[in-house]
C-alpha cells in the first residue's frame, strides 16, 4: 500500500507544478498594444530609420500613447504622452534609469565606465557626482567663459570677412571647428599647438565616434546573428575608431603627466580628473579607463554647452 502511494505521488507530482507555472504565466501583465511582430526580426522591418519620430507618431495614433514593439529579440516600450513620460522619467525613474547594453556604445565607453551608458549603481552615482561637482559645475563652466567668448568672436569675425568678400561659408564646417576648438581648450588645454592637423584629427575622431555609436549592429537586436556585423565591416570599423581614440586620449594624458609641462592658472578638465585620481578624492577607485570614458562624455556635453553659449553670444551682436 505504501509502495502504491509513493508511485502515485511520483506520477502526479508534476501536475500541480505545471498548473502552478501555468497560473503564474496567466497572471503576467500583458504588454501594451503595438504593431504585430514577425518571428526573429520583430518589427525591425517596419522601423523607419530616416524619420523615426514621424513613424512612431503615426503608430501612436493607432495603438495609443504607450506602445510595445519588438526590435529583434529586444522588447521596447514607446511613450508618446507627456503624462506617461512623467510617470516613467520622474515618478518611476529608478525603474527606467539604466540603459540597454549596445555594442558600439559599450565599446567606446570603455565597457560602460562613463556616466552616459553605465548601469545605474553606486559607481554610476559617484561618477555623476564627479561630473556635476568638479567638471561641469556652474563655477567651472563660468571659468571658461572668456574662452567661449573669444572663440565665438573669432567665428563671427570669420563669417563677417567671408560675407564682405561674397565668399560662400560652410556653416557645418565652421560650427564643427568652433566646437572642437572649444573642447580642445577647455578639456585638454590645447590652444596654438593643436591647430592644423591635430585639430583635424580630433574633429574626425569626434565625427567617427558619434557615427559608430549611432550605427546599426545586428548583434544588438538578434545576438545569434552577430557574426553578420563582422561581414559588414562594422566590428573592424568600431575597433579601429576605439584604437584611434584610445591612442589620442593616452597622448593627452601623457602630456598632462609630464613634469615639465607649464602650469596654468585655470586647470582644464583633464587636469581635474588626474587630480581626483592621484589624490583618491572619490569613493571609487578611478582608473585611466574611467578618465578616458568621462572625457568622451564631457566632450559631447561641452559641445552642447558651446552651442548654447554660441547662441547667447550671437544674440548680443
C-alpha atoms as a PDB file:
ATOM      1  CA  UNK A   1       0.000   0.000   0.000  1.00  0.00           C
ATOM      2  CA  UNK A   2       2.773   2.402   0.897  1.00  0.00           C
ATOM      3  CA  UNK A   3       4.569   1.500  -2.342  1.00  0.00           C
ATOM      4  CA  UNK A   4       1.451   2.340  -4.370  1.00  0.00           C
ATOM      5  CA  UNK A   5       1.127   5.720  -2.648  1.00  0.00           C
ATOM      6  CA  UNK A   6       4.775   6.550  -3.424  1.00  0.00           C
ATOM      7  CA  UNK A   7       4.331   5.619  -7.099  1.00  0.00           C
ATOM      8  CA  UNK A   8       1.145   7.713  -7.316  1.00  0.00           C
ATOM      9  CA  UNK A   9       2.897  10.680  -5.699  1.00  0.00           C
ATOM     10  CA  UNK A  10       5.776  10.482  -8.165  1.00  0.00           C
ATOM     11  CA  UNK A  11       3.431  10.189 -11.155  1.00  0.00           C
ATOM     12  CA  UNK A  12       1.080  13.011 -10.215  1.00  0.00           C
ATOM     13  CA  UNK A  13       3.589  15.408  -8.624  1.00  0.00           C
ATOM     14  CA  UNK A  14       4.346  17.248 -11.921  1.00  0.00           C
ATOM     15  CA  UNK A  15       0.657  18.113 -12.356  1.00  0.00           C
ATOM     16  CA  UNK A  16       0.391  20.773  -9.603  1.00  0.00           C
ATOM     17  CA  UNK A  17       3.827  22.065 -10.570  1.00  0.00           C
ATOM     18  CA  UNK A  18       2.693  22.567 -14.184  1.00  0.00           C
ATOM     19  CA  UNK A  19      -0.543  24.158 -13.027  1.00  0.00           C
ATOM     20  CA  UNK A  20       1.417  26.484 -10.731  1.00  0.00           C
ATOM     21  CA  UNK A  21       3.631  27.764 -13.527  1.00  0.00           C
ATOM     22  CA  UNK A  22       0.655  27.898 -15.864  1.00  0.00           C
ATOM     23  CA  UNK A  23      -1.223  30.111 -13.418  1.00  0.00           C
ATOM     24  CA  UNK A  24       1.852  32.300 -12.998  1.00  0.00           C
ATOM     25  CA  UNK A  25       2.040  32.811 -16.728  1.00  0.00           C
ATOM     26  CA  UNK A  26      -1.633  33.761 -16.791  1.00  0.00           C
ATOM     27  CA  UNK A  27      -1.003  36.365 -14.114  1.00  0.00           C
ATOM     28  CA  UNK A  28       1.703  38.106 -16.129  1.00  0.00           C
ATOM     29  CA  UNK A  29       0.688  41.663 -17.004  1.00  0.00           C
ATOM     30  CA  UNK A  30       0.047  41.842 -20.771  1.00  0.00           C
ATOM     31  CA  UNK A  31       2.176  44.117 -22.914  1.00  0.00           C
ATOM     32  CA  UNK A  32       0.698  47.363 -24.242  1.00  0.00           C
ATOM     33  CA  UNK A  33      -0.748  47.245 -27.757  1.00  0.00           C
ATOM     34  CA  UNK A  34       1.538  47.638 -30.728  1.00  0.00           C
ATOM     35  CA  UNK A  35       2.220  46.519 -34.294  1.00  0.00           C
ATOM     36  CA  UNK A  36       2.353  42.704 -34.519  1.00  0.00           C
ATOM     37  CA  UNK A  37       5.973  41.488 -34.748  1.00  0.00           C
ATOM     38  CA  UNK A  38       7.359  38.833 -37.075  1.00  0.00           C
ATOM     39  CA  UNK A  39       9.358  35.869 -35.768  1.00  0.00           C
ATOM     40  CA  UNK A  40      13.065  36.584 -35.107  1.00  0.00           C
ATOM     41  CA  UNK A  41      13.173  40.122 -36.582  1.00  0.00           C
ATOM     42  CA  UNK A  42      10.174  41.504 -34.700  1.00  0.00           C
ATOM     43  CA  UNK A  43       9.292  44.974 -36.023  1.00  0.00           C
ATOM     44  CA  UNK A  44      12.708  45.772 -37.474  1.00  0.00           C
ATOM     45  CA  UNK A  45      11.345  45.582 -40.999  1.00  0.00           C
ATOM     46  CA  UNK A  46       8.779  48.277 -40.195  1.00  0.00           C
ATOM     47  CA  UNK A  47      11.009  50.766 -38.397  1.00  0.00           C
ATOM     48  CA  UNK A  48      11.697  53.953 -40.370  1.00  0.00           C
ATOM     49  CA  UNK A  49      15.280  54.995 -39.618  1.00  0.00           C
ATOM     50  CA  UNK A  50      15.059  58.220 -41.647  1.00  0.00           C
ATOM     51  CA  UNK A  51      12.053  59.766 -39.890  1.00  0.00           C
ATOM     52  CA  UNK A  52      11.508  57.677 -36.730  1.00  0.00           C
ATOM     53  CA  UNK A  53       9.651  60.487 -34.942  1.00  0.00           C
ATOM     54  CA  UNK A  54       7.012  60.653 -37.693  1.00  0.00           C
ATOM     55  CA  UNK A  55       6.736  56.863 -37.867  1.00  0.00           C
ATOM     56  CA  UNK A  56       6.247  56.499 -34.103  1.00  0.00           C
ATOM     57  CA  UNK A  57       3.771  59.392 -34.033  1.00  0.00           C
ATOM     58  CA  UNK A  58       1.746  57.674 -36.762  1.00  0.00           C
ATOM     59  CA  UNK A  59       1.732  54.414 -34.801  1.00  0.00           C
ATOM     60  CA  UNK A  60       0.631  56.206 -31.626  1.00  0.00           C
ATOM     61  CA  UNK A  61      -2.496  57.368 -33.431  1.00  0.00           C
ATOM     62  CA  UNK A  62      -3.440  53.729 -33.912  1.00  0.00           C
ATOM     63  CA  UNK A  63      -2.135  51.997 -30.782  1.00  0.00           C
ATOM     64  CA  UNK A  64      -2.217  54.762 -28.182  1.00  0.00           C
ATOM     65  CA  UNK A  65       0.346  56.764 -26.175  1.00  0.00           C
ATOM     66  CA  UNK A  66       2.005  53.640 -24.725  1.00  0.00           C
ATOM     67  CA  UNK A  67       3.036  51.042 -27.301  1.00  0.00           C
ATOM     68  CA  UNK A  68       5.128  47.890 -27.307  1.00  0.00           C
ATOM     69  CA  UNK A  69       7.421  46.830 -30.138  1.00  0.00           C
ATOM     70  CA  UNK A  70       9.993  44.124 -30.732  1.00  0.00           C
ATOM     71  CA  UNK A  71      13.283  45.136 -32.291  1.00  0.00           C
ATOM     72  CA  UNK A  72      14.630  41.692 -32.984  1.00  0.00           C
ATOM     73  CA  UNK A  73      14.657  39.929 -29.615  1.00  0.00           C
ATOM     74  CA  UNK A  74      14.504  43.209 -27.666  1.00  0.00           C
ATOM     75  CA  UNK A  75      11.188  44.323 -26.205  1.00  0.00           C
ATOM     76  CA  UNK A  76      10.695  48.084 -26.450  1.00  0.00           C
ATOM     77  CA  UNK A  77       8.176  50.438 -24.869  1.00  0.00           C
ATOM     78  CA  UNK A  78       7.354  53.588 -26.817  1.00  0.00           C
ATOM     79  CA  UNK A  79       5.953  56.535 -24.859  1.00  0.00           C
ATOM     80  CA  UNK A  80       4.362  59.422 -26.771  1.00  0.00           C
ATOM     81  CA  UNK A  81       2.370  61.065 -23.967  1.00  0.00           C
ATOM     82  CA  UNK A  82       3.773  63.757 -21.621  1.00  0.00           C
ATOM     83  CA  UNK A  83       1.795  62.277 -18.732  1.00  0.00           C
ATOM     84  CA  UNK A  84       3.189  58.769 -19.213  1.00  0.00           C
ATOM     85  CA  UNK A  85       6.659  60.185 -19.856  1.00  0.00           C
ATOM     86  CA  UNK A  86       6.482  61.889 -16.458  1.00  0.00           C
ATOM     87  CA  UNK A  87       5.484  58.584 -14.858  1.00  0.00           C
ATOM     88  CA  UNK A  88       8.486  56.834 -16.449  1.00  0.00           C
ATOM     89  CA  UNK A  89      11.128  59.545 -16.084  1.00  0.00           C
ATOM     90  CA  UNK A  90      10.149  61.093 -12.768  1.00  0.00           C
ATOM     91  CA  UNK A  91       7.699  59.052 -10.701  1.00  0.00           C
ATOM     92  CA  UNK A  92       9.301  55.677 -11.501  1.00  0.00           C
ATOM     93  CA  UNK A  93      12.668  56.948 -12.692  1.00  0.00           C
ATOM     94  CA  UNK A  94      14.712  54.289 -10.874  1.00  0.00           C
ATOM     95  CA  UNK A  95      12.947  51.528 -12.799  1.00  0.00           C
ATOM     96  CA  UNK A  96      13.914  53.071 -16.145  1.00  0.00           C
ATOM     97  CA  UNK A  97      17.223  54.681 -15.152  1.00  0.00           C
ATOM     98  CA  UNK A  98      19.583  52.145 -16.720  1.00  0.00           C
ATOM     99  CA  UNK A  99      20.375  51.920 -20.423  1.00  0.00           C
ATOM    100  CA  UNK A 100      20.449  48.870 -22.676  1.00  0.00           C
ATOM    101  CA  UNK A 101      23.879  47.475 -23.462  1.00  0.00           C
ATOM    102  CA  UNK A 102      24.512  48.380 -27.101  1.00  0.00           C
ATOM    103  CA  UNK A 103      27.623  47.060 -28.803  1.00  0.00           C
ATOM    104  CA  UNK A 104      29.123  50.279 -30.177  1.00  0.00           C
ATOM    105  CA  UNK A 105      28.311  52.438 -27.170  1.00  0.00           C
ATOM    106  CA  UNK A 106      29.586  49.808 -24.740  1.00  0.00           C
ATOM    107  CA  UNK A 107      32.913  49.532 -26.570  1.00  0.00           C
ATOM    108  CA  UNK A 108      33.555  53.256 -26.934  1.00  0.00           C
ATOM    109  CA  UNK A 109      32.590  53.942 -23.315  1.00  0.00           C
ATOM    110  CA  UNK A 110      35.312  51.543 -22.116  1.00  0.00           C
ATOM    111  CA  UNK A 111      32.838  48.856 -21.115  1.00  0.00           C
ATOM    112  CA  UNK A 112      30.346  51.367 -19.699  1.00  0.00           C
ATOM    113  CA  UNK A 113      32.889  53.151 -17.499  1.00  0.00           C
ATOM    114  CA  UNK A 114      31.288  56.539 -18.134  1.00  0.00           C
ATOM    115  CA  UNK A 115      28.052  58.116 -16.900  1.00  0.00           C
ATOM    116  CA  UNK A 116      26.215  58.007 -20.213  1.00  0.00           C
ATOM    117  CA  UNK A 117      25.936  54.250 -20.684  1.00  0.00           C
ATOM    118  CA  UNK A 118      26.861  52.753 -17.315  1.00  0.00           C
ATOM    119  CA  UNK A 119      24.107  50.847 -15.470  1.00  0.00           C
ATOM    120  CA  UNK A 120      22.508  52.559 -12.511  1.00  0.00           C
ATOM    121  CA  UNK A 121      24.641  51.726  -9.472  1.00  0.00           C
ATOM    122  CA  UNK A 122      26.725  53.248  -6.674  1.00  0.00           C
ATOM    123  CA  UNK A 123      29.605  53.598  -9.117  1.00  0.00           C
ATOM    124  CA  UNK A 124      27.410  55.486 -11.590  1.00  0.00           C
ATOM    125  CA  UNK A 125      26.197  57.844  -8.863  1.00  0.00           C
ATOM    126  CA  UNK A 126      29.786  58.611  -7.856  1.00  0.00           C
ATOM    127  CA  UNK A 127      30.831  59.281 -11.450  1.00  0.00           C
ATOM    128  CA  UNK A 128      27.838  61.556 -11.893  1.00  0.00           C
ATOM    129  CA  UNK A 129      28.820  63.382  -8.705  1.00  0.00           C
ATOM    130  CA  UNK A 130      32.330  63.906 -10.084  1.00  0.00           C
ATOM    131  CA  UNK A 131      30.983  65.430 -13.279  1.00  0.00           C
ATOM    132  CA  UNK A 132      28.419  67.637 -11.538  1.00  0.00           C
ATOM    133  CA  UNK A 133      30.684  68.936  -8.758  1.00  0.00           C
ATOM    134  CA  UNK A 134      34.091  69.056 -10.413  1.00  0.00           C
ATOM    135  CA  UNK A 135      33.810  69.102 -14.194  1.00  0.00           C
ATOM    136  CA  UNK A 136      30.551  70.734 -15.236  1.00  0.00           C
ATOM    137  CA  UNK A 137      29.581  72.774 -12.198  1.00  0.00           C
ATOM    138  CA  UNK A 138      28.330  76.325 -12.701  1.00  0.00           C
ATOM    139  CA  UNK A 139      31.602  77.691 -11.362  1.00  0.00           C
ATOM    140  CA  UNK A 140      33.683  75.524 -13.685  1.00  0.00           C
ATOM    141  CA  UNK A 141      31.589  76.402 -16.733  1.00  0.00           C
ATOM    142  CA  UNK A 142      31.854  80.116 -15.918  1.00  0.00           C
ATOM    143  CA  UNK A 143      35.639  79.822 -15.548  1.00  0.00           C
ATOM    144  CA  UNK A 144      35.843  79.099 -19.281  1.00  0.00           C
ATOM    145  CA  UNK A 145      33.514  81.904 -20.284  1.00  0.00           C
ATOM    146  CA  UNK A 146      36.349  84.022 -21.678  1.00  0.00           C
ATOM    147  CA  UNK A 147      37.434  81.077 -23.842  1.00  0.00           C
ATOM    148  CA  UNK A 148      33.947  80.650 -25.276  1.00  0.00           C
ATOM    149  CA  UNK A 149      33.549  84.373 -25.925  1.00  0.00           C
ATOM    150  CA  UNK A 150      36.957  84.525 -27.603  1.00  0.00           C
ATOM    151  CA  UNK A 151      36.240  81.608 -29.926  1.00  0.00           C
ATOM    152  CA  UNK A 152      32.707  82.752 -30.774  1.00  0.00           C
ATOM    153  CA  UNK A 153      34.014  86.252 -31.560  1.00  0.00           C
ATOM    154  CA  UNK A 154      36.624  84.737 -33.869  1.00  0.00           C
ATOM    155  CA  UNK A 155      33.924  82.705 -35.602  1.00  0.00           C
ATOM    156  CA  UNK A 156      31.703  85.775 -36.122  1.00  0.00           C
ATOM    157  CA  UNK A 157      34.623  87.802 -37.462  1.00  0.00           C
ATOM    158  CA  UNK A 158      35.433  84.952 -39.843  1.00  0.00           C
ATOM    159  CA  UNK A 159      31.846  84.910 -41.090  1.00  0.00           C
ATOM    160  CA  UNK A 160      31.867  88.697 -41.413  1.00  0.00           C
ATOM    161  CA  UNK A 161      35.006  88.628 -43.552  1.00  0.00           C
ATOM    162  CA  UNK A 162      33.548  85.925 -45.781  1.00  0.00           C
ATOM    163  CA  UNK A 163      30.299  87.856 -46.157  1.00  0.00           C
ATOM    164  CA  UNK A 164      32.188  91.040 -47.035  1.00  0.00           C
ATOM    165  CA  UNK A 165      34.022  89.267 -49.842  1.00  0.00           C
ATOM    166  CA  UNK A 166      30.869  87.424 -51.006  1.00  0.00           C
ATOM    167  CA  UNK A 167      32.555  84.122 -50.189  1.00  0.00           C
ATOM    168  CA  UNK A 168      30.419  81.052 -49.561  1.00  0.00           C
ATOM    169  CA  UNK A 169      30.698  79.786 -45.967  1.00  0.00           C
ATOM    170  CA  UNK A 170      30.176  76.166 -44.965  1.00  0.00           C
ATOM    171  CA  UNK A 171      28.284  76.635 -41.695  1.00  0.00           C
ATOM    172  CA  UNK A 172      28.533  72.948 -40.805  1.00  0.00           C
ATOM    173  CA  UNK A 173      32.310  73.046 -41.088  1.00  0.00           C
ATOM    174  CA  UNK A 174      32.548  76.316 -39.161  1.00  0.00           C
ATOM    175  CA  UNK A 175      30.302  75.033 -36.357  1.00  0.00           C
ATOM    176  CA  UNK A 176      32.356  71.844 -36.099  1.00  0.00           C
ATOM    177  CA  UNK A 177      35.579  73.861 -35.939  1.00  0.00           C
ATOM    178  CA  UNK A 178      34.128  76.051 -33.186  1.00  0.00           C
ATOM    179  CA  UNK A 179      33.008  73.044 -31.150  1.00  0.00           C
ATOM    180  CA  UNK A 180      36.278  71.149 -31.500  1.00  0.00           C
ATOM    181  CA  UNK A 181      38.342  74.238 -30.628  1.00  0.00           C
ATOM    182  CA  UNK A 182      36.287  74.894 -27.510  1.00  0.00           C
ATOM    183  CA  UNK A 183      36.627  71.285 -26.400  1.00  0.00           C
ATOM    184  CA  UNK A 184      40.369  71.296 -27.019  1.00  0.00           C
ATOM    185  CA  UNK A 185      40.869  74.439 -24.965  1.00  0.00           C
ATOM    186  CA  UNK A 186      38.558  73.611 -22.049  1.00  0.00           C
ATOM    187  CA  UNK A 187      39.020  69.850 -21.801  1.00  0.00           C
ATOM    188  CA  UNK A 188      42.620  69.388 -22.939  1.00  0.00           C
ATOM    189  CA  UNK A 189      44.225  72.817 -22.518  1.00  0.00           C
ATOM    190  CA  UNK A 190      45.224  72.867 -26.180  1.00  0.00           C
ATOM    191  CA  UNK A 191      45.476  76.229 -27.942  1.00  0.00           C
ATOM    192  CA  UNK A 192      48.038  77.164 -30.580  1.00  0.00           C
ATOM    193  CA  UNK A 193      49.945  73.868 -30.511  1.00  0.00           C
ATOM    194  CA  UNK A 194      46.818  71.979 -31.511  1.00  0.00           C
ATOM    195  CA  UNK A 195      45.893  73.829 -34.671  1.00  0.00           C
ATOM    196  CA  UNK A 196      46.089  72.267 -38.121  1.00  0.00           C
ATOM    197  CA  UNK A 197      46.459  68.508 -38.369  1.00  0.00           C
ATOM    198  CA  UNK A 198      45.960  67.912 -34.645  1.00  0.00           C
ATOM    199  CA  UNK A 199      42.585  69.648 -34.601  1.00  0.00           C
ATOM    200  CA  UNK A 200      41.501  67.970 -37.833  1.00  0.00           C
ATOM    201  CA  UNK A 201      42.382  64.607 -36.319  1.00  0.00           C
ATOM    202  CA  UNK A 202      40.236  65.335 -33.272  1.00  0.00           C
ATOM    203  CA  UNK A 203      37.334  66.518 -35.435  1.00  0.00           C
ATOM    204  CA  UNK A 204      37.477  63.324 -37.480  1.00  0.00           C
ATOM    205  CA  UNK A 205      37.550  61.192 -34.333  1.00  0.00           C
ATOM    206  CA  UNK A 206      34.586  63.113 -32.917  1.00  0.00           C
ATOM    207  CA  UNK A 207      32.530  62.584 -36.080  1.00  0.00           C
ATOM    208  CA  UNK A 208      33.503  58.914 -36.449  1.00  0.00           C
ATOM    209  CA  UNK A 209      32.740  58.083 -32.815  1.00  0.00           C
ATOM    210  CA  UNK A 210      29.299  59.694 -32.999  1.00  0.00           C
ATOM    211  CA  UNK A 211      28.547  57.859 -36.239  1.00  0.00           C
ATOM    212  CA  UNK A 212      29.547  54.428 -34.944  1.00  0.00           C
ATOM    213  CA  UNK A 213      27.640  54.951 -31.672  1.00  0.00           C
ATOM    214  CA  UNK A 214      24.501  55.506 -33.703  1.00  0.00           C
ATOM    215  CA  UNK A 215      25.411  52.749 -36.155  1.00  0.00           C
ATOM    216  CA  UNK A 216      23.333  49.617 -36.628  1.00  0.00           C
ATOM    217  CA  UNK A 217      24.800  46.478 -35.079  1.00  0.00           C
ATOM    218  CA  UNK A 218      22.663  43.438 -35.748  1.00  0.00           C
ATOM    219  CA  UNK A 219      24.047  41.761 -32.626  1.00  0.00           C
ATOM    220  CA  UNK A 220      22.205  44.375 -30.522  1.00  0.00           C
ATOM    221  CA  UNK A 221      18.860  43.026 -31.719  1.00  0.00           C
ATOM    222  CA  UNK A 222      19.495  39.456 -32.841  1.00  0.00           C
ATOM    223  CA  UNK A 223      22.544  38.186 -30.880  1.00  0.00           C
ATOM    224  CA  UNK A 224      22.612  34.863 -32.740  1.00  0.00           C
ATOM    225  CA  UNK A 225      23.318  36.772 -35.972  1.00  0.00           C
ATOM    226  CA  UNK A 226      26.118  38.878 -34.507  1.00  0.00           C
ATOM    227  CA  UNK A 227      28.587  37.365 -36.977  1.00  0.00           C
ATOM    228  CA  UNK A 228      26.924  39.468 -39.688  1.00  0.00           C
ATOM    229  CA  UNK A 229      28.497  42.584 -38.129  1.00  0.00           C
ATOM    230  CA  UNK A 230      31.911  41.148 -38.957  1.00  0.00           C
ATOM    231  CA  UNK A 231      30.929  40.557 -42.569  1.00  0.00           C
ATOM    232  CA  UNK A 232      29.601  44.108 -42.958  1.00  0.00           C
ATOM    233  CA  UNK A 233      32.800  45.562 -41.508  1.00  0.00           C
ATOM    234  CA  UNK A 234      31.077  47.206 -38.533  1.00  0.00           C
ATOM    235  CA  UNK A 235      33.242  45.371 -35.983  1.00  0.00           C
ATOM    236  CA  UNK A 236      36.530  46.273 -37.681  1.00  0.00           C
ATOM    237  CA  UNK A 237      35.412  49.897 -38.057  1.00  0.00           C
ATOM    238  CA  UNK A 238      34.473  50.055 -34.374  1.00  0.00           C
ATOM    239  CA  UNK A 239      37.793  48.508 -33.309  1.00  0.00           C
ATOM    240  CA  UNK A 240      39.756  50.997 -35.406  1.00  0.00           C
ATOM    241  CA  UNK A 241      37.891  54.014 -34.046  1.00  0.00           C
ATOM    242  CA  UNK A 242      38.290  52.773 -30.479  1.00  0.00           C
ATOM    243  CA  UNK A 243      42.025  52.205 -31.024  1.00  0.00           C
ATOM    244  CA  UNK A 244      42.487  55.691 -32.513  1.00  0.00           C
ATOM    245  CA  UNK A 245      40.513  57.319 -29.709  1.00  0.00           C
ATOM    246  CA  UNK A 246      42.387  55.423 -27.026  1.00  0.00           C
ATOM    247  CA  UNK A 247      45.735  56.448 -28.518  1.00  0.00           C
ATOM    248  CA  UNK A 248      44.557  60.061 -28.754  1.00  0.00           C
ATOM    249  CA  UNK A 249      43.461  60.192 -25.109  1.00  0.00           C
ATOM    250  CA  UNK A 250      46.599  58.401 -23.957  1.00  0.00           C
ATOM    251  CA  UNK A 251      48.771  61.012 -25.706  1.00  0.00           C
ATOM    252  CA  UNK A 252      46.874  63.769 -23.896  1.00  0.00           C
ATOM    253  CA  UNK A 253      47.255  62.002 -20.542  1.00  0.00           C
ATOM    254  CA  UNK A 254      50.994  61.520 -21.071  1.00  0.00           C
ATOM    255  CA  UNK A 255      51.365  65.229 -21.892  1.00  0.00           C
ATOM    256  CA  UNK A 256      49.493  66.232 -18.741  1.00  0.00           C
ATOM    257  CA  UNK A 257      51.626  63.888 -16.622  1.00  0.00           C
ATOM    258  CA  UNK A 258      54.838  65.408 -17.983  1.00  0.00           C
ATOM    259  CA  UNK A 259      56.522  67.214 -15.035  1.00  0.00           C
ATOM    260  CA  UNK A 260      57.955  69.801 -17.472  1.00  0.00           C
ATOM    261  CA  UNK A 261      54.526  70.809 -18.730  1.00  0.00           C
ATOM    262  CA  UNK A 262      53.837  74.501 -17.987  1.00  0.00           C
ATOM    263  CA  UNK A 263      51.322  75.068 -15.202  1.00  0.00           C
ATOM    264  CA  UNK A 264      48.197  77.079 -15.923  1.00  0.00           C
ATOM    265  CA  UNK A 265      46.135  79.212 -13.569  1.00  0.00           C
ATOM    266  CA  UNK A 266      42.887  77.624 -14.741  1.00  0.00           C
ATOM    267  CA  UNK A 267      43.191  73.795 -14.934  1.00  0.00           C
ATOM    268  CA  UNK A 268      41.418  72.036 -17.772  1.00  0.00           C
ATOM    269  CA  UNK A 269      39.038  69.097 -17.311  1.00  0.00           C
ATOM    270  CA  UNK A 270      41.758  66.503 -17.773  1.00  0.00           C
ATOM    271  CA  UNK A 271      43.867  68.198 -15.077  1.00  0.00           C
ATOM    272  CA  UNK A 272      40.936  67.945 -12.668  1.00  0.00           C
ATOM    273  CA  UNK A 273      40.385  64.250 -13.425  1.00  0.00           C
ATOM    274  CA  UNK A 274      44.071  63.453 -12.899  1.00  0.00           C
ATOM    275  CA  UNK A 275      43.998  65.287  -9.557  1.00  0.00           C
ATOM    276  CA  UNK A 276      40.968  63.285  -8.454  1.00  0.00           C
ATOM    277  CA  UNK A 277      42.742  60.053  -9.362  1.00  0.00           C
ATOM    278  CA  UNK A 278      46.075  60.880  -7.741  1.00  0.00           C
ATOM    279  CA  UNK A 279      44.563  62.250  -4.522  1.00  0.00           C
ATOM    280  CA  UNK A 280      41.908  59.494  -4.219  1.00  0.00           C
ATOM    281  CA  UNK A 281      39.194  62.121  -3.844  1.00  0.00           C
ATOM    282  CA  UNK A 282      36.438  59.701  -4.746  1.00  0.00           C
ATOM    283  CA  UNK A 283      34.687  56.792  -3.059  1.00  0.00           C
ATOM    284  CA  UNK A 284      35.509  54.594  -6.052  1.00  0.00           C
ATOM    285  CA  UNK A 285      38.909  53.738  -7.474  1.00  0.00           C
ATOM    286  CA  UNK A 286      39.206  55.910 -10.584  1.00  0.00           C
ATOM    287  CA  UNK A 287      41.119  54.219 -13.384  1.00  0.00           C
ATOM    288  CA  UNK A 288      42.530  55.624 -16.609  1.00  0.00           C
ATOM    289  CA  UNK A 289      39.646  53.962 -18.424  1.00  0.00           C
ATOM    290  CA  UNK A 290      37.238  55.939 -16.245  1.00  0.00           C
ATOM    291  CA  UNK A 291      39.033  59.151 -17.160  1.00  0.00           C
ATOM    292  CA  UNK A 292      39.020  58.393 -20.878  1.00  0.00           C
ATOM    293  CA  UNK A 293      35.347  57.442 -20.784  1.00  0.00           C
ATOM    294  CA  UNK A 294      34.423  60.585 -18.830  1.00  0.00           C
ATOM    295  CA  UNK A 295      36.358  62.705 -21.323  1.00  0.00           C
ATOM    296  CA  UNK A 296      34.287  61.169 -24.090  1.00  0.00           C
ATOM    297  CA  UNK A 297      31.031  62.155 -22.371  1.00  0.00           C
ATOM    298  CA  UNK A 298      32.363  65.551 -21.310  1.00  0.00           C
ATOM    299  CA  UNK A 299      33.268  66.325 -24.899  1.00  0.00           C
ATOM    300  CA  UNK A 300      29.686  65.776 -26.028  1.00  0.00           C
ATOM    301  CA  UNK A 301      28.336  67.814 -23.097  1.00  0.00           C
ATOM    302  CA  UNK A 302      30.804  70.577 -23.862  1.00  0.00           C
ATOM    303  CA  UNK A 303      29.512  70.565 -27.440  1.00  0.00           C
ATOM    304  CA  UNK A 304      26.005  71.135 -26.109  1.00  0.00           C
ATOM    305  CA  UNK A 305      27.140  73.898 -23.736  1.00  0.00           C
ATOM    306  CA  UNK A 306      29.158  75.507 -26.519  1.00  0.00           C
ATOM    307  CA  UNK A 307      26.155  75.523 -28.825  1.00  0.00           C
ATOM    308  CA  UNK A 308      24.034  77.268 -26.180  1.00  0.00           C
ATOM    309  CA  UNK A 309      26.792  79.758 -25.429  1.00  0.00           C
ATOM    310  CA  UNK A 310      27.219  80.467 -29.138  1.00  0.00           C
ATOM    311  CA  UNK A 311      23.539  81.308 -29.469  1.00  0.00           C
ATOM    312  CA  UNK A 312      23.685  83.605 -26.429  1.00  0.00           C
ATOM    313  CA  UNK A 313      26.777  85.319 -27.779  1.00  0.00           C
ATOM    314  CA  UNK A 314      25.185  85.678 -31.225  1.00  0.00           C
ATOM    315  CA  UNK A 315      22.166  87.479 -29.784  1.00  0.00           C
ATOM    316  CA  UNK A 316      24.460  90.042 -28.147  1.00  0.00           C
ATOM    317  CA  UNK A 317      25.606  91.293 -31.564  1.00  0.00           C
END
